[in-house]
Amino acid sequence: MEYSTKKRLTQNQLNLLETSFITNSKLEGERKQELASQLGLSSKQVSIWYQNKRARCKAEAVEMNYQALQLQLQNVLAHNKRLQIEVRRLTHKLDQANHLLFLASNPSASASASASTVAPGFNHLQSSSWDSPATATTKSIWENAEVLPIMDELYACLLE
């Protein structure tokens, strides 16, 4: 098995190539010949070094973009989780408020229902007591003495 002896570039050669690459990442024929003679290399070696350097730069850029996208994804997922928690908290508060409104609009139900029971039809905005025809015929619920403690509880729930 034959092994080719690959000649490594010296630090001075690398420095000159890097400096030249920073100035211009594309190599023109005239500049290629000039660099080759300055470095003591063939123009093909200079061309290959430039081609490899462009490929390395592109791979590094892709990796950096990937890492930036991963960080953005993590931030979006964390924000999404915070929003889901907030939705659950607000849904719970809304259920409590709907239950208290149900109790306030139905004083007879407030005597028998406990505050921890959710009134039928008030879970997750399925319906509202304001939509029922009984609401229009009910004497002002705000004037009913049985409703005042429930209203205090409703306000406390909404202010949390």
N, C-alpha and C. Protein backbone atom coordinates (compact mmCIF):
# COMPACT_ATOMS: atom_id res chain seq x y z
N MET A 1 0.84 -1.18 0.00
CA MET A 1 0.00 0.00 0.00
C MET A 1 0.89 1.24 0.00
N GLU A 2 0.63 2.12 -0.94
CA GLU A 2 1.43 3.33 -1.05
C GLU A 2 0.78 4.47 -0.29
N TYR A 3 1.57 5.18 0.45
CA TYR A 3 1.09 6.36 1.14
C TYR A 3 1.69 7.58 0.47
N SER A 4 0.84 8.54 0.17
CA SER A 4 1.38 9.76 -0.41
C SER A 4 1.85 10.67 0.71
N THR A 5 2.92 11.30 0.48
CA THR A 5 3.42 12.23 1.49
C THR A 5 2.81 13.59 1.20
N LYS A 6 1.92 13.98 2.05
CA LYS A 6 1.23 15.25 1.89
C LYS A 6 2.05 16.32 2.61
N LYS A 7 2.44 17.30 1.85
CA LYS A 7 3.23 18.37 2.42
C LYS A 7 2.31 19.37 3.12
N ARG A 8 2.57 19.58 4.38
CA ARG A 8 1.80 20.56 5.15
C ARG A 8 2.32 21.96 4.87
N LEU A 9 1.41 22.90 4.94
CA LEU A 9 1.80 24.29 4.73
C LEU A 9 2.45 24.82 6.01
N THR A 10 3.39 25.71 5.85
CA THR A 10 4.04 26.32 7.01
C THR A 10 3.11 27.38 7.59
N GLN A 11 3.41 27.83 8.78
CA GLN A 11 2.59 28.85 9.43
C GLN A 11 2.61 30.15 8.63
N ASN A 12 3.77 30.49 8.06
CA ASN A 12 3.86 31.71 7.24
C ASN A 12 2.99 31.59 5.99
N GLN A 13 2.99 30.42 5.35
CA GLN A 13 2.15 30.20 4.17
C GLN A 13 0.67 30.32 4.55
N LEU A 14 0.31 29.70 5.67
CA LEU A 14 -1.08 29.78 6.13
C LEU A 14 -1.50 31.21 6.43
N ASN A 15 -0.62 31.93 7.09
CA ASN A 15 -0.93 33.33 7.43
C ASN A 15 -1.17 34.16 6.17
N LEU A 16 -0.31 33.98 5.16
CA LEU A 16 -0.47 34.73 3.92
C LEU A 16 -1.76 34.34 3.20
N LEU A 17 -2.06 33.05 3.16
CA LEU A 17 -3.30 32.59 2.53
C LEU A 17 -4.53 33.13 3.28
N GLU A 18 -4.50 33.07 4.61
CA GLU A 18 -5.63 33.58 5.41
C GLU A 18 -5.83 35.07 5.18
N THR A 19 -4.76 35.82 5.19
CA THR A 19 -4.85 37.27 4.96
C THR A 19 -5.42 37.55 3.57
N SER A 20 -4.94 36.82 2.60
CA SER A 20 -5.44 37.00 1.23
C SER A 20 -6.91 36.61 1.13
N PHE A 21 -7.30 35.55 1.83
CA PHE A 21 -8.69 35.08 1.81
C PHE A 21 -9.62 36.11 2.45
N ILE A 22 -9.17 36.73 3.53
CA ILE A 22 -9.99 37.75 4.20
C ILE A 22 -10.25 38.91 3.24
N THR A 23 -9.24 39.26 2.46
CA THR A 23 -9.39 40.35 1.50
C THR A 23 -10.38 39.98 0.40
N ASN A 24 -10.25 38.75 -0.12
CA ASN A 24 -11.12 38.32 -1.20
C ASN A 24 -11.23 36.79 -1.17
N SER A 25 -12.44 36.29 -0.98
CA SER A 25 -12.61 34.84 -0.87
C SER A 25 -12.63 34.13 -2.23
N LYS A 26 -12.72 34.89 -3.29
CA LYS A 26 -12.64 34.34 -4.64
C LYS A 26 -11.25 34.65 -5.20
N LEU A 27 -10.72 33.71 -5.92
CA LEU A 27 -9.36 33.85 -6.41
C LEU A 27 -9.35 34.01 -7.93
N GLU A 28 -8.78 35.10 -8.41
CA GLU A 28 -8.64 35.35 -9.85
C GLU A 28 -7.33 34.72 -10.32
N GLY A 29 -7.24 34.45 -11.60
CA GLY A 29 -6.06 33.79 -12.18
C GLY A 29 -4.75 34.49 -11.87
N GLU A 30 -4.75 35.80 -12.03
CA GLU A 30 -3.53 36.58 -11.80
C GLU A 30 -3.11 36.52 -10.33
N ARG A 31 -4.08 36.69 -9.46
CA ARG A 31 -3.80 36.67 -8.01
C ARG A 31 -3.35 35.27 -7.59
N LYS A 32 -3.93 34.25 -8.19
CA LYS A 32 -3.56 32.87 -7.88
C LYS A 32 -2.08 32.62 -8.22
N GLN A 33 -1.67 33.06 -9.38
CA GLN A 33 -0.27 32.90 -9.80
C GLN A 33 0.68 33.67 -8.88
N GLU A 34 0.26 34.87 -8.50
CA GLU A 34 1.07 35.71 -7.62
C GLU A 34 1.26 35.04 -6.26
N LEU A 35 0.15 34.53 -5.68
CA LEU A 35 0.24 33.84 -4.39
C LEU A 35 1.08 32.57 -4.50
N ALA A 36 0.87 31.82 -5.53
CA ALA A 36 1.62 30.57 -5.72
C ALA A 36 3.12 30.84 -5.75
N SER A 37 3.54 31.87 -6.47
CA SER A 37 4.97 32.17 -6.54
C SER A 37 5.49 32.70 -5.20
N GLN A 38 4.69 33.50 -4.48
CA GLN A 38 5.11 34.01 -3.16
C GLN A 38 5.27 32.87 -2.15
N LEU A 39 4.37 31.87 -2.24
CA LEU A 39 4.35 30.78 -1.27
C LEU A 39 5.22 29.59 -1.67
N GLY A 40 5.65 29.56 -2.92
CA GLY A 40 6.42 28.41 -3.39
C GLY A 40 5.53 27.19 -3.59
N LEU A 41 4.28 27.42 -3.98
CA LEU A 41 3.32 26.34 -4.22
C LEU A 41 2.86 26.38 -5.66
N SER A 42 2.20 25.34 -6.08
CA SER A 42 1.60 25.37 -7.42
C SER A 42 0.29 26.14 -7.36
N SER A 43 -0.14 26.66 -8.50
CA SER A 43 -1.40 27.40 -8.54
C SER A 43 -2.58 26.48 -8.20
N LYS A 44 -2.44 25.19 -8.53
CA LYS A 44 -3.49 24.22 -8.19
C LYS A 44 -3.61 24.07 -6.66
N GLN A 45 -2.49 24.03 -5.96
CA GLN A 45 -2.53 23.92 -4.49
C GLN A 45 -3.22 25.14 -3.88
N VAL A 46 -2.93 26.31 -4.41
CA VAL A 46 -3.56 27.54 -3.90
C VAL A 46 -5.06 27.49 -4.17
N SER A 47 -5.44 27.07 -5.37
CA SER A 47 -6.86 26.96 -5.72
C SER A 47 -7.58 25.99 -4.79
N ILE A 48 -6.96 24.85 -4.53
CA ILE A 48 -7.58 23.84 -3.65
C ILE A 48 -7.70 24.37 -2.23
N TRP A 49 -6.66 25.09 -1.77
CA TRP A 49 -6.74 25.65 -0.41
C TRP A 49 -7.93 26.62 -0.32
N TYR A 50 -8.08 27.48 -1.31
CA TYR A 50 -9.20 28.44 -1.33
C TYR A 50 -10.54 27.71 -1.36
N GLN A 51 -10.62 26.70 -2.17
CA GLN A 51 -11.88 25.93 -2.27
C GLN A 51 -12.21 25.28 -0.92
N ASN A 52 -11.23 24.68 -0.29
CA ASN A 52 -11.44 24.05 1.02
C ASN A 52 -11.81 25.08 2.08
N LYS A 53 -11.16 26.23 2.04
CA LYS A 53 -11.45 27.29 3.02
C LYS A 53 -12.88 27.79 2.86
N ARG A 54 -13.34 27.97 1.62
CA ARG A 54 -14.74 28.40 1.40
C ARG A 54 -15.71 27.34 1.93
N ALA A 55 -15.38 26.08 1.72
CA ALA A 55 -16.25 25.00 2.22
C ALA A 55 -16.29 24.99 3.75
N ARG A 56 -15.14 25.20 4.39
CA ARG A 56 -15.10 25.25 5.86
C ARG A 56 -15.91 26.44 6.38
N CYS A 57 -15.77 27.59 5.73
CA CYS A 57 -16.52 28.78 6.15
C CYS A 57 -18.03 28.55 6.02
N LYS A 58 -18.42 27.91 4.92
CA LYS A 58 -19.84 27.64 4.71
C LYS A 58 -20.36 26.66 5.77
N ALA A 59 -19.58 25.63 6.08
CA ALA A 59 -20.00 24.66 7.11
C ALA A 59 -20.11 25.33 8.48
N GLU A 60 -19.18 26.21 8.79
CA GLU A 60 -19.23 26.94 10.06
C GLU A 60 -20.47 27.84 10.13
N ALA A 61 -20.78 28.49 9.01
CA ALA A 61 -21.96 29.36 8.97
C ALA A 61 -23.24 28.55 9.16
N VAL A 62 -23.30 27.39 8.53
CA VAL A 62 -24.47 26.52 8.68
C VAL A 62 -24.61 26.08 10.14
N GLU A 63 -23.50 25.72 10.76
CA GLU A 63 -23.53 25.30 12.17
C GLU A 63 -23.99 26.44 13.08
N MET A 64 -23.48 27.65 12.82
CA MET A 64 -23.89 28.80 13.64
C MET A 64 -25.38 29.09 13.45
N ASN A 65 -25.87 29.02 12.21
CA ASN A 65 -27.30 29.23 11.96
C ASN A 65 -28.14 28.18 12.66
N TYR A 66 -27.68 26.94 12.64
CA TYR A 66 -28.39 25.85 13.31
C TYR A 66 -28.47 26.11 14.81
N GLN A 67 -27.35 26.52 15.41
CA GLN A 67 -27.35 26.80 16.85
C GLN A 67 -28.27 27.97 17.19
N ALA A 68 -28.28 28.99 16.34
CA ALA A 68 -29.17 30.14 16.57
C ALA A 68 -30.63 29.71 16.47
N LEU A 69 -30.94 28.87 15.50
CA LEU A 69 -32.32 28.37 15.36
C LEU A 69 -32.72 27.50 16.54
N GLN A 70 -31.79 26.69 17.03
CA GLN A 70 -32.07 25.85 18.20
C GLN A 70 -32.38 26.72 19.42
N LEU A 71 -31.62 27.79 19.59
CA LEU A 71 -31.85 28.70 20.72
C LEU A 71 -33.21 29.38 20.57
N GLN A 72 -33.54 29.82 19.36
CA GLN A 72 -34.85 30.43 19.13
C GLN A 72 -35.97 29.44 19.41
N LEU A 73 -35.78 28.20 18.99
CA LEU A 73 -36.79 27.17 19.24
C LEU A 73 -36.99 26.95 20.73
N GLN A 74 -35.91 26.87 21.48
CA GLN A 74 -36.01 26.69 22.93
C GLN A 74 -36.77 27.86 23.56
N ASN A 75 -36.47 29.08 23.12
CA ASN A 75 -37.17 30.26 23.65
C ASN A 75 -38.66 30.22 23.31
N VAL A 76 -39.00 29.85 22.09
CA VAL A 76 -40.41 29.78 21.68
C VAL A 76 -41.14 28.69 22.47
N LEU A 77 -40.50 27.55 22.65
CA LEU A 77 -41.14 26.46 23.41
C LEU A 77 -41.36 26.87 24.87
N ALA A 78 -40.39 27.56 25.47
CA ALA A 78 -40.55 28.02 26.85
C ALA A 78 -41.68 29.04 26.94
N HIS A 79 -41.74 29.95 25.97
CA HIS A 79 -42.81 30.95 25.96
C HIS A 79 -44.17 30.27 25.77
N ASN A 80 -44.23 29.28 24.90
CA ASN A 80 -45.46 28.53 24.68
C ASN A 80 -45.92 27.85 25.97
N LYS A 81 -44.99 27.26 26.69
CA LYS A 81 -45.34 26.59 27.95
C LYS A 81 -45.89 27.60 28.96
N ARG A 82 -45.24 28.79 29.05
CA ARG A 82 -45.75 29.83 29.96
C ARG A 82 -47.16 30.26 29.56
N LEU A 83 -47.41 30.38 28.25
CA LEU A 83 -48.75 30.77 27.78
C LEU A 83 -49.78 29.69 28.08
N GLN A 84 -49.42 28.42 27.93
CA GLN A 84 -50.34 27.33 28.25
C GLN A 84 -50.71 27.35 29.74
N ILE A 85 -49.74 27.60 30.58
CA ILE A 85 -50.00 27.68 32.03
C ILE A 85 -50.94 28.86 32.30
N GLU A 86 -50.69 29.99 31.65
CA GLU A 86 -51.54 31.17 31.84
C GLU A 86 -52.96 30.90 31.35
N VAL A 87 -53.11 30.19 30.23
CA VAL A 87 -54.44 29.85 29.72
C VAL A 87 -55.18 28.97 30.73
N ARG A 88 -54.49 27.97 31.29
CA ARG A 88 -55.14 27.11 32.29
C ARG A 88 -55.56 27.91 33.52
N ARG A 89 -54.69 28.83 33.97
CA ARG A 89 -55.01 29.64 35.13
C ARG A 89 -56.22 30.53 34.85
N LEU A 90 -56.22 31.18 33.69
CA LEU A 90 -57.33 32.06 33.35
C LEU A 90 -58.63 31.30 33.10
N THR A 91 -58.53 30.10 32.52
CA THR A 91 -59.71 29.27 32.31
C THR A 91 -60.32 28.89 33.66
N HIS A 92 -59.47 28.57 34.61
CA HIS A 92 -59.96 28.23 35.95
C HIS A 92 -60.66 29.44 36.59
N LYS A 93 -60.03 30.61 36.46
CA LYS A 93 -60.66 31.82 37.01
C LYS A 93 -61.99 32.10 36.32
N LEU A 94 -62.06 31.88 35.01
CA LEU A 94 -63.29 32.11 34.27
C LEU A 94 -64.38 31.13 34.72
N ASP A 95 -64.00 29.88 34.94
CA ASP A 95 -64.97 28.90 35.44
C ASP A 95 -65.51 29.33 36.80
N GLN A 96 -64.61 29.82 37.65
CA GLN A 96 -65.05 30.30 38.97
C GLN A 96 -66.01 31.48 38.83
N ALA A 97 -65.67 32.41 37.97
CA ALA A 97 -66.52 33.59 37.77
C ALA A 97 -67.87 33.19 37.19
N ASN A 98 -67.87 32.27 36.22
CA ASN A 98 -69.13 31.81 35.64
C ASN A 98 -69.99 31.11 36.70
N HIS A 99 -69.37 30.33 37.54
CA HIS A 99 -70.10 29.65 38.61
C HIS A 99 -70.73 30.68 39.55
N LEU A 100 -69.95 31.69 39.91
CA LEU A 100 -70.48 32.71 40.81
C LEU A 100 -71.59 33.52 40.14
N LEU A 101 -71.47 33.77 38.85
CA LEU A 101 -72.54 34.46 38.13
C LEU A 101 -73.80 33.60 38.08
N PHE A 102 -73.62 32.31 37.91
CA PHE A 102 -74.75 31.40 37.91
C PHE A 102 -75.45 31.45 39.27
N LEU A 103 -74.66 31.40 40.33
CA LEU A 103 -75.25 31.46 41.67
C LEU A 103 -75.95 32.80 41.90
N ALA A 104 -75.36 33.88 41.38
CA ALA A 104 -75.96 35.20 41.57
C ALA A 104 -77.26 35.35 40.79
N SER A 105 -77.34 34.73 39.64
CA SER A 105 -78.54 34.86 38.82
C SER A 105 -79.63 33.87 39.23
N ASN A 106 -79.27 32.89 40.04
CA ASN A 106 -80.23 31.89 40.52
C ASN A 106 -80.12 31.80 42.04
N PRO A 107 -80.74 32.76 42.76
CA PRO A 107 -80.61 32.78 44.22
C PRO A 107 -81.06 31.47 44.88
N SER A 108 -82.03 30.79 44.32
CA SER A 108 -82.48 29.54 44.92
C SER A 108 -81.38 28.48 44.80
N ALA A 109 -80.58 28.55 43.74
CA ALA A 109 -79.49 27.60 43.57
C ALA A 109 -78.34 27.91 44.51
N SER A 110 -78.18 29.19 44.86
CA SER A 110 -77.05 29.55 45.71
C SER A 110 -77.21 29.02 47.12
N ALA A 111 -78.43 28.80 47.56
CA ALA A 111 -78.63 28.26 48.90
C ALA A 111 -78.27 26.79 48.96
N SER A 112 -78.48 26.06 47.86
CA SER A 112 -78.23 24.63 47.88
C SER A 112 -76.88 24.24 47.30
N ALA A 113 -76.32 25.08 46.43
CA ALA A 113 -75.06 24.73 45.77
C ALA A 113 -73.87 25.17 46.59
N SER A 114 -72.84 24.39 46.58
CA SER A 114 -71.61 24.80 47.28
C SER A 114 -70.76 25.58 46.31
N ALA A 115 -69.87 26.39 46.82
CA ALA A 115 -69.03 27.25 45.99
C ALA A 115 -68.05 26.45 45.16
N SER A 116 -67.77 25.23 45.54
CA SER A 116 -66.80 24.43 44.78
C SER A 116 -67.44 23.70 43.61
N THR A 117 -68.78 23.67 43.53
CA THR A 117 -69.46 22.98 42.44
C THR A 117 -69.58 23.93 41.26
N VAL A 118 -69.22 23.47 40.08
CA VAL A 118 -69.36 24.29 38.88
C VAL A 118 -70.76 24.08 38.33
N ALA A 119 -71.44 25.18 38.05
CA ALA A 119 -72.80 25.11 37.55
C ALA A 119 -72.81 24.50 36.16
N PRO A 120 -73.86 23.72 35.85
CA PRO A 120 -73.94 23.11 34.53
C PRO A 120 -73.95 24.18 33.44
N GLY A 121 -73.26 23.90 32.36
CA GLY A 121 -73.25 24.84 31.24
C GLY A 121 -72.26 25.98 31.38
N PHE A 122 -71.48 26.04 32.48
CA PHE A 122 -70.55 27.15 32.66
C PHE A 122 -69.11 26.70 32.57
N ASN A 123 -68.88 25.51 32.13
CA ASN A 123 -67.53 25.01 32.02
C ASN A 123 -66.94 25.44 30.68
N HIS A 124 -65.85 26.19 30.70
CA HIS A 124 -65.10 26.61 29.51
C HIS A 124 -65.96 27.31 28.48
N LEU A 125 -66.76 28.24 28.90
CA LEU A 125 -67.53 29.10 28.02
C LEU A 125 -68.54 28.36 27.16
N GLN A 126 -69.07 27.23 27.60
CA GLN A 126 -70.04 26.50 26.80
C GLN A 126 -71.33 27.31 26.66
N SER A 127 -71.76 27.96 27.72
CA SER A 127 -72.91 28.85 27.62
C SER A 127 -72.78 29.92 28.69
N SER A 128 -73.70 30.84 28.70
CA SER A 128 -73.65 31.92 29.66
C SER A 128 -75.05 32.20 30.19
N SER A 129 -75.10 32.56 31.47
CA SER A 129 -76.41 32.85 32.06
C SER A 129 -77.02 34.09 31.40
N TRP A 130 -76.20 34.92 30.78
CA TRP A 130 -76.73 36.12 30.14
C TRP A 130 -77.53 35.75 28.89
N ASP A 131 -77.33 34.55 28.35
CA ASP A 131 -78.05 34.14 27.16
C ASP A 131 -79.41 33.55 27.46
N SER A 132 -79.68 33.20 28.71
CA SER A 132 -80.94 32.52 29.03
C SER A 132 -82.09 33.51 29.10
N PRO A 133 -83.30 33.06 28.71
CA PRO A 133 -84.47 33.95 28.77
C PRO A 133 -84.85 34.28 30.20
N ALA A 134 -84.48 33.42 31.16
CA ALA A 134 -84.83 33.66 32.55
C ALA A 134 -84.14 34.91 33.07
N THR A 135 -83.02 35.26 32.50
CA THR A 135 -82.28 36.43 32.96
C THR A 135 -83.08 37.70 32.74
N ALA A 136 -83.79 37.76 31.63
CA ALA A 136 -84.57 38.96 31.33
C ALA A 136 -85.72 39.13 32.30
N THR A 137 -86.29 38.02 32.81
CA THR A 137 -87.44 38.13 33.69
C THR A 137 -87.06 38.20 35.16
N THR A 138 -85.82 37.90 35.49
CA THR A 138 -85.40 37.93 36.89
C THR A 138 -85.35 39.37 37.36
N LYS A 139 -85.91 39.59 38.58
CA LYS A 139 -85.83 40.93 39.17
C LYS A 139 -84.35 41.22 39.37
N SER A 140 -83.95 42.41 39.32
CA SER A 140 -82.56 42.79 39.40
C SER A 140 -81.81 41.95 40.43
N ILE A 141 -80.93 41.12 39.94
CA ILE A 141 -80.20 40.23 40.86
C ILE A 141 -79.28 41.02 41.77
N TRP A 142 -78.92 42.20 41.36
CA TRP A 142 -78.01 43.00 42.16
C TRP A 142 -78.72 43.60 43.38
N GLU A 143 -80.06 43.59 43.39
CA GLU A 143 -80.82 44.12 44.51
C GLU A 143 -81.10 43.03 45.54
N ASN A 144 -80.84 41.80 45.24
CA ASN A 144 -81.14 40.67 46.11
C ASN A 144 -80.07 40.57 47.19
N ALA A 145 -80.50 40.54 48.46
CA ALA A 145 -79.56 40.49 49.59
C ALA A 145 -78.76 39.19 49.61
N GLU A 146 -79.33 38.08 49.08
CA GLU A 146 -78.61 36.80 49.07
C GLU A 146 -77.43 36.84 48.11
N VAL A 147 -77.47 37.74 47.15
CA VAL A 147 -76.46 37.78 46.10
C VAL A 147 -75.22 38.55 46.54
N LEU A 148 -75.33 39.48 47.45
CA LEU A 148 -74.20 40.32 47.82
C LEU A 148 -72.97 39.54 48.27
N PRO A 149 -73.09 38.52 49.14
CA PRO A 149 -71.88 37.77 49.49
C PRO A 149 -71.26 37.06 48.28
N ILE A 150 -72.11 36.60 47.38
CA ILE A 150 -71.61 35.92 46.18
C ILE A 150 -70.88 36.92 45.29
N MET A 151 -71.42 38.14 45.18
CA MET A 151 -70.79 39.16 44.36
C MET A 151 -69.43 39.55 44.93
N ASP A 152 -69.33 39.63 46.26
CA ASP A 152 -68.03 39.92 46.88
C ASP A 152 -67.02 38.84 46.50
N GLU A 153 -67.47 37.58 46.52
CA GLU A 153 -66.61 36.47 46.16
C GLU A 153 -66.21 36.55 44.68
N LEU A 154 -67.17 36.96 43.83
CA LEU A 154 -66.89 37.10 42.41
C LEU A 154 -65.83 38.18 42.18
N TYR A 155 -65.98 39.32 42.83
CA TYR A 155 -64.99 40.38 42.67
C TYR A 155 -63.62 39.93 43.15
N ALA A 156 -63.60 39.21 44.26
CA ALA A 156 -62.32 38.71 44.77
C ALA A 156 -61.68 37.75 43.77
N CYS A 157 -62.50 36.92 43.15
CA CYS A 157 -62.01 35.96 42.16
C CYS A 157 -61.42 36.70 40.97
N LEU A 158 -62.09 37.73 40.51
CA LEU A 158 -61.65 38.47 39.33
C LEU A 158 -60.41 39.31 39.61
N LEU A 159 -60.23 39.75 40.84
CA LEU A 159 -59.08 40.59 41.19
C LEU A 159 -57.81 39.79 41.46
N GLU A 160 -57.91 38.49 41.59
CA GLU A 160 -56.74 37.67 41.88
C GLU A 160 -55.70 37.76 40.80
